[in-house]
Amino acid sequence: VGPQEANGKKFRIVLYAKQTSNPEGKYSSWSNAKQAGV
């Protein structure tokens, strides 16, 4: 991949986060994977 200018549109890395264990047992919006950053 590349070349690409800063914040270009040719290439991206996306982070998804999903909570797999919640020690407090409370509801978490992270229990389903969601985009956490690009």
PDB file of all heavy atoms in Angstrom:
ATOM      1  N   VAL A   1       0.850  -1.191   0.000  1.00  0.00           N
ATOM      2  CA  VAL A   1       0.000   0.000   0.000  1.00  0.00           C
ATOM      3  C   VAL A   1       0.884   1.239   0.000  1.00  0.00           C
ATOM      4  O   VAL A   1       2.016   1.206   0.451  1.00  0.00           O
ATOM      5  CB  VAL A   1      -0.951   0.033   1.216  1.00  0.00           C
ATOM      6  CG1 VAL A   1      -1.905  -1.137   1.189  1.00  0.00           C
ATOM      7  CG2 VAL A   1      -0.177   0.060   2.515  1.00  0.00           C
ATOM      8  N   GLY A   2       0.336   2.335  -0.492  1.00  0.00           N
ATOM      9  CA  GLY A   2       1.060   3.597  -0.480  1.00  0.00           C
ATOM     10  C   GLY A   2       1.590   3.943  -1.860  1.00  0.00           C
ATOM     11  O   GLY A   2       1.490   3.130  -2.771  1.00  0.00           O
ATOM     12  N   PRO A   3       2.118   5.123  -1.997  1.00  0.00           N
ATOM     13  CA  PRO A   3       2.192   6.183  -0.995  1.00  0.00           C
ATOM     14  C   PRO A   3       0.812   6.766  -0.690  1.00  0.00           C
ATOM     15  O   PRO A   3      -0.133   6.591  -1.465  1.00  0.00           O
ATOM     16  CB  PRO A   3       3.112   7.214  -1.643  1.00  0.00           C
ATOM     17  CG  PRO A   3       3.031   6.963  -3.101  1.00  0.00           C
ATOM     18  CD  PRO A   3       2.708   5.507  -3.276  1.00  0.00           C
ATOM     19  N   GLN A   4       0.724   7.459   0.434  1.00  0.00           N
ATOM     20  CA  GLN A   4      -0.525   8.090   0.851  1.00  0.00           C
ATOM     21  C   GLN A   4      -0.196   9.305   1.700  1.00  0.00           C
ATOM     22  O   GLN A   4       0.673   9.251   2.564  1.00  0.00           O
ATOM     23  CB  GLN A   4      -1.370   7.092   1.657  1.00  0.00           C
ATOM     24  CG  GLN A   4      -2.596   7.723   2.298  1.00  0.00           C
ATOM     25  CD  GLN A   4      -3.511   6.709   2.948  1.00  0.00           C
ATOM     26  OE1 GLN A   4      -4.305   6.094   2.261  1.00  0.00           O
ATOM     27  NE2 GLN A   4      -3.409   6.530   4.255  1.00  0.00           N
ATOM     28  N   GLU A   5      -0.911  10.400   1.462  1.00  0.00           N
ATOM     29  CA  GLU A   5      -0.744  11.600   2.274  1.00  0.00           C
ATOM     30  C   GLU A   5      -1.410  11.367   3.635  1.00  0.00           C
ATOM     31  O   GLU A   5      -2.182  10.431   3.801  1.00  0.00           O
ATOM     32  CB  GLU A   5      -1.345  12.826   1.561  1.00  0.00           C
ATOM     33  CG  GLU A   5      -2.850  12.785   1.376  1.00  0.00           C
ATOM     34  CD  GLU A   5      -3.355  11.914   0.225  1.00  0.00           C
ATOM     35  OE1 GLU A   5      -2.558  11.414  -0.577  1.00  0.00           O
ATOM     36  OE2 GLU A   5      -4.586  11.718   0.154  1.00  0.00           O
ATOM     37  N   ALA A   6      -1.109  12.205   4.605  1.00  0.00           N
ATOM     38  CA  ALA A   6      -1.714  12.092   5.935  1.00  0.00           C
ATOM     39  C   ALA A   6      -3.233  12.130   5.813  1.00  0.00           C
ATOM     40  O   ALA A   6      -3.781  12.937   5.061  1.00  0.00           O
ATOM     41  CB  ALA A   6      -1.228  13.225   6.835  1.00  0.00           C
ATOM     42  N   ASN A   7      -3.915  11.254   6.524  1.00  0.00           N
ATOM     43  CA  ASN A   7      -5.379  11.127   6.497  1.00  0.00           C
ATOM     44  C   ASN A   7      -5.916  10.861   5.092  1.00  0.00           C
ATOM     45  O   ASN A   7      -7.030  11.252   4.772  1.00  0.00           O
ATOM     46  CB  ASN A   7      -6.047  12.356   7.106  1.00  0.00           C
ATOM     47  CG  ASN A   7      -5.705  12.505   8.570  1.00  0.00           C
ATOM     48  OD1 ASN A   7      -5.808  11.542   9.330  1.00  0.00           O
ATOM     49  ND2 ASN A   7      -5.272  13.681   8.972  1.00  0.00           N
ATOM     50  N   GLY A   8      -5.115  10.186   4.272  1.00  0.00           N
ATOM     51  CA  GLY A   8      -5.534   9.865   2.908  1.00  0.00           C
ATOM     52  C   GLY A   8      -6.667   8.860   2.867  1.00  0.00           C
ATOM     53  O   GLY A   8      -7.059   8.281   3.879  1.00  0.00           O
ATOM     54  N   LYS A   9      -7.190   8.616   1.690  1.00  0.00           N
ATOM     55  CA  LYS A   9      -8.357   7.751   1.516  1.00  0.00           C
ATOM     56  C   LYS A   9      -8.022   6.428   0.834  1.00  0.00           C
ATOM     57  O   LYS A   9      -8.903   5.635   0.552  1.00  0.00           O
ATOM     58  CB  LYS A   9      -9.437   8.480   0.692  1.00  0.00           C
ATOM     59  CG  LYS A   9      -9.891   9.789   1.297  1.00  0.00           C
ATOM     60  CD  LYS A   9     -10.601   9.588   2.606  1.00  0.00           C
ATOM     61  CE  LYS A   9     -11.098  10.911   3.171  1.00  0.00           C
ATOM     62  NZ  LYS A   9     -11.451  10.814   4.566  1.00  0.00           N
ATOM     63  N   LYS A  10      -6.733   6.153   0.587  1.00  0.00           N
ATOM     64  CA  LYS A  10      -6.364   4.925  -0.115  1.00  0.00           C
ATOM     65  C   LYS A  10      -6.214   3.728   0.812  1.00  0.00           C
ATOM     66  O   LYS A  10      -6.386   2.594   0.397  1.00  0.00           O
ATOM     67  CB  LYS A  10      -5.037   5.125  -0.861  1.00  0.00           C
ATOM     68  CG  LYS A  10      -5.078   6.146  -1.960  1.00  0.00           C
ATOM     69  CD  LYS A  10      -3.686   6.282  -2.567  1.00  0.00           C
ATOM     70  CE  LYS A  10      -3.641   7.401  -3.585  1.00  0.00           C
ATOM     71  NZ  LYS A  10      -2.269   7.591  -4.087  1.00  0.00           N
ATOM     72  N   PHE A  11      -5.852   3.965   2.079  1.00  0.00           N
ATOM     73  CA  PHE A  11      -5.546   2.880   3.006  1.00  0.00           C
ATOM     74  C   PHE A  11      -5.944   3.286   4.414  1.00  0.00           C
ATOM     75  O   PHE A  11      -5.721   4.427   4.833  1.00  0.00           O
ATOM     76  CB  PHE A  11      -4.039   2.581   2.948  1.00  0.00           C
ATOM     77  CG  PHE A  11      -3.571   1.579   3.955  1.00  0.00           C
ATOM     78  CD1 PHE A  11      -3.924   0.243   3.861  1.00  0.00           C
ATOM     79  CD2 PHE A  11      -2.767   1.976   5.014  1.00  0.00           C
ATOM     80  CE1 PHE A  11      -3.486  -0.679   4.796  1.00  0.00           C
ATOM     81  CE2 PHE A  11      -2.318   1.054   5.956  1.00  0.00           C
ATOM     82  CZ  PHE A  11      -2.685  -0.277   5.838  1.00  0.00           C
ATOM     83  N   ARG A  12      -6.506   2.333   5.160  1.00  0.00           N
ATOM     84  CA  ARG A  12      -6.916   2.613   6.537  1.00  0.00           C
ATOM     85  C   ARG A  12      -6.762   1.361   7.395  1.00  0.00           C
ATOM     86  O   ARG A  12      -6.800   0.244   6.893  1.00  0.00           O
ATOM     87  CB  ARG A  12      -8.357   3.100   6.589  1.00  0.00           C
ATOM     88  CG  ARG A  12      -9.360   2.019   6.228  1.00  0.00           C
ATOM     89  CD  ARG A  12     -10.795   2.536   6.204  1.00  0.00           C
ATOM     90  NE  ARG A  12     -11.737   1.481   5.922  1.00  0.00           N
ATOM     91  CZ  ARG A  12     -12.073   1.039   4.729  1.00  0.00           C
ATOM     92  NH1 ARG A  12     -11.523   1.573   3.662  1.00  0.00           N
ATOM     93  NH2 ARG A  12     -12.956   0.072   4.576  1.00  0.00           N
ATOM     94  N   ILE A  13      -6.592   1.586   8.692  1.00  0.00           N
ATOM     95  CA  ILE A  13      -6.580   0.503   9.674  1.00  0.00           C
ATOM     96  C   ILE A  13      -7.708   0.808  10.647  1.00  0.00           C
ATOM     97  O   ILE A  13      -7.758   1.889  11.241  1.00  0.00           O
ATOM     98  CB  ILE A  13      -5.237   0.432  10.416  1.00  0.00           C
ATOM     99  CG1 ILE A  13      -4.091   0.243   9.423  1.00  0.00           C
ATOM    100  CG2 ILE A  13      -5.256  -0.710  11.440  1.00  0.00           C
ATOM    101  CD1 ILE A  13      -2.719   0.493  10.006  1.00  0.00           C
ATOM    102  N   VAL A  14      -8.624  -0.152  10.807  1.00  0.00           N
ATOM    103  CA  VAL A  14      -9.780   0.037  11.670  1.00  0.00           C
ATOM    104  C   VAL A  14      -9.633  -0.869  12.887  1.00  0.00           C
ATOM    105  O   VAL A  14      -9.274  -2.037  12.757  1.00  0.00           O
ATOM    106  CB  VAL A  14     -11.096  -0.268  10.920  1.00  0.00           C
ATOM    107  CG1 VAL A  14     -12.300  -0.059  11.827  1.00  0.00           C
ATOM    108  CG2 VAL A  14     -11.218   0.594   9.673  1.00  0.00           C
ATOM    109  N   LEU A  15      -9.897  -0.312  14.062  1.00  0.00           N
ATOM    110  CA  LEU A  15      -9.871  -1.059  15.309  1.00  0.00           C
ATOM    111  C   LEU A  15     -11.304  -1.319  15.751  1.00  0.00           C
ATOM    112  O   LEU A  15     -12.110  -0.393  15.836  1.00  0.00           O
ATOM    113  CB  LEU A  15      -9.129  -0.256  16.388  1.00  0.00           C
ATOM    114  CG  LEU A  15      -9.315  -0.713  17.838  1.00  0.00           C
ATOM    115  CD1 LEU A  15      -8.741  -2.113  18.055  1.00  0.00           C
ATOM    116  CD2 LEU A  15      -8.699   0.281  18.795  1.00  0.00           C
ATOM    117  N   TYR A  16     -11.600  -2.588  16.023  1.00  0.00           N
ATOM    118  CA  TYR A  16     -12.888  -2.979  16.603  1.00  0.00           C
ATOM    119  C   TYR A  16     -12.604  -3.524  17.995  1.00  0.00           C
ATOM    120  O   TYR A  16     -11.623  -4.244  18.202  1.00  0.00           O
ATOM    121  CB  TYR A  16     -13.567  -4.063  15.764  1.00  0.00           C
ATOM    122  CG  TYR A  16     -13.925  -3.602  14.382  1.00  0.00           C
ATOM    123  CD1 TYR A  16     -13.070  -3.813  13.313  1.00  0.00           C
ATOM    124  CD2 TYR A  16     -15.120  -2.926  14.137  1.00  0.00           C
ATOM    125  CE1 TYR A  16     -13.384  -3.380  12.042  1.00  0.00           C
ATOM    126  CE2 TYR A  16     -15.448  -2.483  12.862  1.00  0.00           C
ATOM    127  CZ  TYR A  16     -14.574  -2.713  11.820  1.00  0.00           C
ATOM    128  OH  TYR A  16     -14.890  -2.283  10.565  1.00  0.00           O
ATOM    129  N   ALA A  17     -13.439  -3.179  18.968  1.00  0.00           N
ATOM    130  CA  ALA A  17     -13.284  -3.662  20.341  1.00  0.00           C
ATOM    131  C   ALA A  17     -14.553  -4.380  20.762  1.00  0.00           C
ATOM    132  O   ALA A  17     -15.665  -3.939  20.461  1.00  0.00           O
ATOM    133  CB  ALA A  17     -12.999  -2.497  21.284  1.00  0.00           C
ATOM    134  N   LYS A  18     -14.358  -5.494  21.466  1.00  0.00           N
ATOM    135  CA  LYS A  18     -15.491  -6.277  21.973  1.00  0.00           C
ATOM    136  C   LYS A  18     -15.132  -6.754  23.366  1.00  0.00           C
ATOM    137  O   LYS A  18     -14.078  -7.351  23.576  1.00  0.00           O
ATOM    138  CB  LYS A  18     -15.753  -7.476  21.072  1.00  0.00           C
ATOM    139  CG  LYS A  18     -16.839  -8.388  21.579  1.00  0.00           C
ATOM    140  CD  LYS A  18     -17.026  -9.581  20.665  1.00  0.00           C
ATOM    141  CE  LYS A  18     -18.125 -10.482  21.187  1.00  0.00           C
ATOM    142  NZ  LYS A  18     -18.344 -11.634  20.320  1.00  0.00           N
ATOM    143  N   GLN A  19     -16.023  -6.484  24.335  1.00  0.00           N
ATOM    144  CA  GLN A  19     -15.768  -6.947  25.694  1.00  0.00           C
ATOM    145  C   GLN A  19     -16.148  -8.423  25.780  1.00  0.00           C
ATOM    146  O   GLN A  19     -17.255  -8.816  25.422  1.00  0.00           O
ATOM    147  CB  GLN A  19     -16.546  -6.126  26.716  1.00  0.00           C
ATOM    148  CG  GLN A  19     -16.132  -6.439  28.131  1.00  0.00           C
ATOM    149  CD  GLN A  19     -16.666  -5.442  29.129  1.00  0.00           C
ATOM    150  OE1 GLN A  19     -17.692  -4.827  28.922  1.00  0.00           O
ATOM    151  NE2 GLN A  19     -15.947  -5.280  30.242  1.00  0.00           N
ATOM    152  N   THR A  20     -15.203  -9.240  26.249  1.00  0.00           N
ATOM    153  CA  THR A  20     -15.434 -10.686  26.332  1.00  0.00           C
ATOM    154  C   THR A  20     -15.691 -11.145  27.762  1.00  0.00           C
ATOM    155  O   THR A  20     -16.210 -12.239  27.969  1.00  0.00           O
ATOM    156  CB  THR A  20     -14.221 -11.455  25.764  1.00  0.00           C
ATOM    157  OG1 THR A  20     -13.040 -11.056  26.476  1.00  0.00           O
ATOM    158  CG2 THR A  20     -14.049 -11.173  24.284  1.00  0.00           C
ATOM    159  N   SER A  21     -15.332 -10.328  28.750  1.00  0.00           N
ATOM    160  CA  SER A  21     -15.559 -10.672  30.152  1.00  0.00           C
ATOM    161  C   SER A  21     -15.745  -9.393  30.947  1.00  0.00           C
ATOM    162  O   SER A  21     -14.931  -8.480  30.876  1.00  0.00           O
ATOM    163  CB  SER A  21     -14.363 -11.455  30.699  1.00  0.00           C
ATOM    164  OG  SER A  21     -14.500 -11.640  32.089  1.00  0.00           O
ATOM    165  N   ASN A  22     -16.849  -9.346  31.698  1.00  0.00           N
ATOM    166  CA  ASN A  22     -17.156  -8.176  32.508  1.00  0.00           C
ATOM    167  C   ASN A  22     -17.227  -8.625  33.962  1.00  0.00           C
ATOM    168  O   ASN A  22     -18.209  -9.244  34.371  1.00  0.00           O
ATOM    169  CB  ASN A  22     -18.488  -7.575  32.042  1.00  0.00           C
ATOM    170  CG  ASN A  22     -18.855  -6.305  32.767  1.00  0.00           C
ATOM    171  OD1 ASN A  22     -18.348  -6.028  33.851  1.00  0.00           O
ATOM    172  ND2 ASN A  22     -19.752  -5.544  32.186  1.00  0.00           N
ATOM    173  N   PRO A  23     -16.195  -8.338  34.773  1.00  0.00           N
ATOM    174  CA  PRO A  23     -16.159  -8.854  36.145  1.00  0.00           C
ATOM    175  C   PRO A  23     -17.294  -8.341  37.027  1.00  0.00           C
ATOM    176  O   PRO A  23     -17.674  -8.996  37.975  1.00  0.00           O
ATOM    177  CB  PRO A  23     -14.802  -8.386  36.671  1.00  0.00           C
ATOM    178  CG  PRO A  23     -14.411  -7.251  35.814  1.00  0.00           C
ATOM    179  CD  PRO A  23     -15.050  -7.494  34.476  1.00  0.00           C
ATOM    180  N   GLU A  24     -17.833  -7.190  36.705  1.00  0.00           N
ATOM    181  CA  GLU A  24     -18.907  -6.632  37.520  1.00  0.00           C
ATOM    182  C   GLU A  24     -20.273  -7.163  37.096  1.00  0.00           C
ATOM    183  O   GLU A  24     -21.261  -6.936  37.777  1.00  0.00           O
ATOM    184  CB  GLU A  24     -18.871  -5.104  37.447  1.00  0.00           C
ATOM    185  CG  GLU A  24     -17.580  -4.525  38.011  1.00  0.00           C
ATOM    186  CD  GLU A  24     -17.477  -3.041  37.822  1.00  0.00           C
ATOM    187  OE1 GLU A  24     -18.444  -2.406  37.351  1.00  0.00           O
ATOM    188  OE2 GLU A  24     -16.400  -2.488  38.129  1.00  0.00           O
ATOM    189  N   GLY A  25     -20.341  -7.846  35.959  1.00  0.00           N
ATOM    190  CA  GLY A  25     -21.600  -8.429  35.495  1.00  0.00           C
ATOM    191  C   GLY A  25     -22.624  -7.420  35.024  1.00  0.00           C
ATOM    192  O   GLY A  25     -23.774  -7.760  34.787  1.00  0.00           O
ATOM    193  N   LYS A  26     -22.237  -6.177  34.879  1.00  0.00           N
ATOM    194  CA  LYS A  26     -23.168  -5.132  34.439  1.00  0.00           C
ATOM    195  C   LYS A  26     -23.265  -5.115  32.918  1.00  0.00           C
ATOM    196  O   LYS A  26     -22.406  -5.642  32.217  1.00  0.00           O
ATOM    197  CB  LYS A  26     -22.685  -3.759  34.920  1.00  0.00           C
ATOM    198  CG  LYS A  26     -22.637  -3.609  36.416  1.00  0.00           C
ATOM    199  CD  LYS A  26     -22.108  -2.227  36.772  1.00  0.00           C
ATOM    200  CE  LYS A  26     -21.970  -2.076  38.269  1.00  0.00           C
ATOM    201  NZ  LYS A  26     -21.354  -0.796  38.616  1.00  0.00           N
ATOM    202  N   TYR A  27     -24.316  -4.460  32.433  1.00  0.00           N
ATOM    203  CA  TYR A  27     -24.449  -4.282  30.988  1.00  0.00           C
ATOM    204  C   TYR A  27     -23.291  -3.434  30.481  1.00  0.00           C
ATOM    205  O   TYR A  27     -22.879  -2.468  31.113  1.00  0.00           O
ATOM    206  CB  TYR A  27     -25.770  -3.593  30.634  1.00  0.00           C
ATOM    207  CG  TYR A  27     -25.808  -3.124  29.209  1.00  0.00           C
ATOM    208  CD1 TYR A  27     -26.063  -4.022  28.180  1.00  0.00           C
ATOM    209  CD2 TYR A  27     -25.526  -1.805  28.860  1.00  0.00           C
ATOM    210  CE1 TYR A  27     -26.062  -3.623  26.856  1.00  0.00           C
ATOM    211  CE2 TYR A  27     -25.519  -1.388  27.554  1.00  0.00           C
ATOM    212  CZ  TYR A  27     -25.789  -2.300  26.553  1.00  0.00           C
ATOM    213  OH  TYR A  27     -25.781  -1.899  25.246  1.00  0.00           O
ATOM    214  N   SER A  28     -22.770  -3.790  29.329  1.00  0.00           N
ATOM    215  CA  SER A  28     -21.711  -3.011  28.693  1.00  0.00           C
ATOM    216  C   SER A  28     -22.046  -2.840  27.220  1.00  0.00           C
ATOM    217  O   SER A  28     -22.398  -3.807  26.549  1.00  0.00           O
ATOM    218  CB  SER A  28     -20.363  -3.716  28.828  1.00  0.00           C
ATOM    219  OG  SER A  28     -19.389  -3.045  28.051  1.00  0.00           O
ATOM    220  N   SER A  29     -21.933  -1.629  26.747  1.00  0.00           N
ATOM    221  CA  SER A  29     -22.178  -1.383  25.318  1.00  0.00           C
ATOM    222  C   SER A  29     -21.081  -2.009  24.466  1.00  0.00           C
ATOM    223  O   SER A  29     -21.196  -2.091  23.256  1.00  0.00           O
ATOM    224  CB  SER A  29     -22.276   0.115  25.039  1.00  0.00           C
ATOM    225  OG  SER A  29     -21.047   0.741  25.328  1.00  0.00           O
ATOM    226  N   TRP A  30     -20.011  -2.468  25.090  1.00  0.00           N
ATOM    227  CA  TRP A  30     -18.899  -3.084  24.379  1.00  0.00           C
ATOM    228  C   TRP A  30     -19.088  -4.595  24.215  1.00  0.00           C
ATOM    229  O   TRP A  30     -18.229  -5.273  23.672  1.00  0.00           O
ATOM    230  CB  TRP A  30     -17.578  -2.809  25.105  1.00  0.00           C
ATOM    231  CG  TRP A  30     -17.231  -1.366  25.135  1.00  0.00           C
ATOM    232  CD1 TRP A  30     -17.476  -0.478  26.143  1.00  0.00           C
ATOM    233  CD2 TRP A  30     -16.596  -0.619  24.110  1.00  0.00           C
ATOM    234  NE1 TRP A  30     -17.020   0.768  25.809  1.00  0.00           N
ATOM    235  CE2 TRP A  30     -16.467   0.717  24.557  1.00  0.00           C
ATOM    236  CE3 TRP A  30     -16.103  -0.939  22.843  1.00  0.00           C
ATOM    237  CZ2 TRP A  30     -15.882   1.709  23.792  1.00  0.00           C
ATOM    238  CZ3 TRP A  30     -15.503   0.054  22.085  1.00  0.00           C
ATOM    239  CH2 TRP A  30     -15.408   1.362  22.564  1.00  0.00           C
ATOM    240  N   SER A  31     -20.225  -5.153  24.703  1.00  0.00           N
ATOM    241  CA  SER A  31     -20.420  -6.601  24.610  1.00  0.00           C
ATOM    242  C   SER A  31     -20.584  -7.060  23.159  1.00  0.00           C
ATOM    243  O   SER A  31     -20.353  -8.221  22.852  1.00  0.00           O
ATOM    244  CB  SER A  31     -21.612  -7.043  25.455  1.00  0.00           C
ATOM    245  OG  SER A  31     -22.788  -6.407  25.009  1.00  0.00           O
ATOM    246  N   ASN A  32     -20.992  -6.175  22.290  1.00  0.00           N
ATOM    247  CA  ASN A  32     -21.002  -6.445  20.854  1.00  0.00           C
ATOM    248  C   ASN A  32     -19.860  -5.638  20.247  1.00  0.00           C
ATOM    249  O   ASN A  32     -19.658  -4.478  20.597  1.00  0.00           O
ATOM    250  CB  ASN A  32     -22.323  -6.013  20.207  1.00  0.00           C
ATOM    251  CG  ASN A  32     -23.482  -6.845  20.697  1.00  0.00           C
ATOM    252  OD1 ASN A  32     -23.365  -8.067  20.817  1.00  0.00           O
ATOM    253  ND2 ASN A  32     -24.584  -6.191  21.015  1.00  0.00           N
ATOM    254  N   ALA A  33     -19.113  -6.252  19.355  1.00  0.00           N
ATOM    255  CA  ALA A  33     -17.971  -5.555  18.751  1.00  0.00           C
ATOM    256  C   ALA A  33     -18.419  -4.258  18.090  1.00  0.00           C
ATOM    257  O   ALA A  33     -19.453  -4.225  17.423  1.00  0.00           O
ATOM    258  CB  ALA A  33     -17.289  -6.457  17.736  1.00  0.00           C
ATOM    259  N   LYS A  34     -17.642  -3.199  18.324  1.00  0.00           N
ATOM    260  CA  LYS A  34     -17.941  -1.935  17.648  1.00  0.00           C
ATOM    261  C   LYS A  34     -16.643  -1.233  17.293  1.00  0.00           C
ATOM    262  O   LYS A  34     -15.594  -1.477  17.897  1.00  0.00           O
ATOM    263  CB  LYS A  34     -18.852  -1.050  18.478  1.00  0.00           C
ATOM    264  CG  LYS A  34     -18.303  -0.568  19.792  1.00  0.00           C
ATOM    265  CD  LYS A  34     -19.376   0.285  20.495  1.00  0.00           C
ATOM    266  CE  LYS A  34     -18.938   0.776  21.834  1.00  0.00           C
ATOM    267  NZ  LYS A  34     -19.960   1.611  22.476  1.00  0.00           N
ATOM    268  N   GLN A  35     -16.755  -0.382  16.295  1.00  0.00           N
ATOM    269  CA  GLN A  35     -15.580   0.340  15.820  1.00  0.00           C
ATOM    270  C   GLN A  35     -15.096   1.270  16.920  1.00  0.00           C
ATOM    271  O   GLN A  35     -15.856   2.049  17.474  1.00  0.00           O
ATOM    272  CB  GLN A  35     -15.924   1.126  14.562  1.00  0.00           C
ATOM    273  CG  GLN A  35     -14.738   1.810  13.944  1.00  0.00           C
ATOM    274  CD  GLN A  35     -15.086   2.455  12.615  1.00  0.00           C
ATOM    275  OE1 GLN A  35     -15.697   1.842  11.768  1.00  0.00           O
ATOM    276  NE2 GLN A  35     -14.696   3.712  12.453  1.00  0.00           N
ATOM    277  N   ALA A  36     -13.798   1.186  17.238  1.00  0.00           N
ATOM    278  CA  ALA A  36     -13.232   1.992  18.308  1.00  0.00           C
ATOM    279  C   ALA A  36     -12.189   2.982  17.801  1.00  0.00           C
ATOM    280  O   ALA A  36     -11.670   3.769  18.573  1.00  0.00           O
ATOM    281  CB  ALA A  36     -12.617   1.081  19.367  1.00  0.00           C
ATOM    282  N   GLY A  37     -11.882   2.939  16.510  1.00  0.00           N
ATOM    283  CA  GLY A  37     -10.912   3.886  15.976  1.00  0.00           C
ATOM    284  C   GLY A  37     -10.527   3.579  14.546  1.00  0.00           C
ATOM    285  O   GLY A  37     -10.666   2.446  14.084  1.00  0.00           O
ATOM    286  N   VAL A  38     -10.074   4.608  13.838  1.00  0.00           N
ATOM    287  CA  VAL A  38      -9.592   4.481  12.457  1.00  0.00           C
ATOM    288  C   VAL A  38      -8.276   5.245  12.358  1.00  0.00           C
ATOM    289  O   VAL A  38      -8.169   6.362  12.857  1.00  0.00           O
ATOM    290  CB  VAL A  38     -10.600   5.053  11.440  1.00  0.00           C
ATOM    291  CG1 VAL A  38     -10.048   4.975  10.027  1.00  0.00           C
ATOM    292  CG2 VAL A  38     -11.936   4.330  11.529  1.00  0.00           C
TER     293      VAL A  38
END
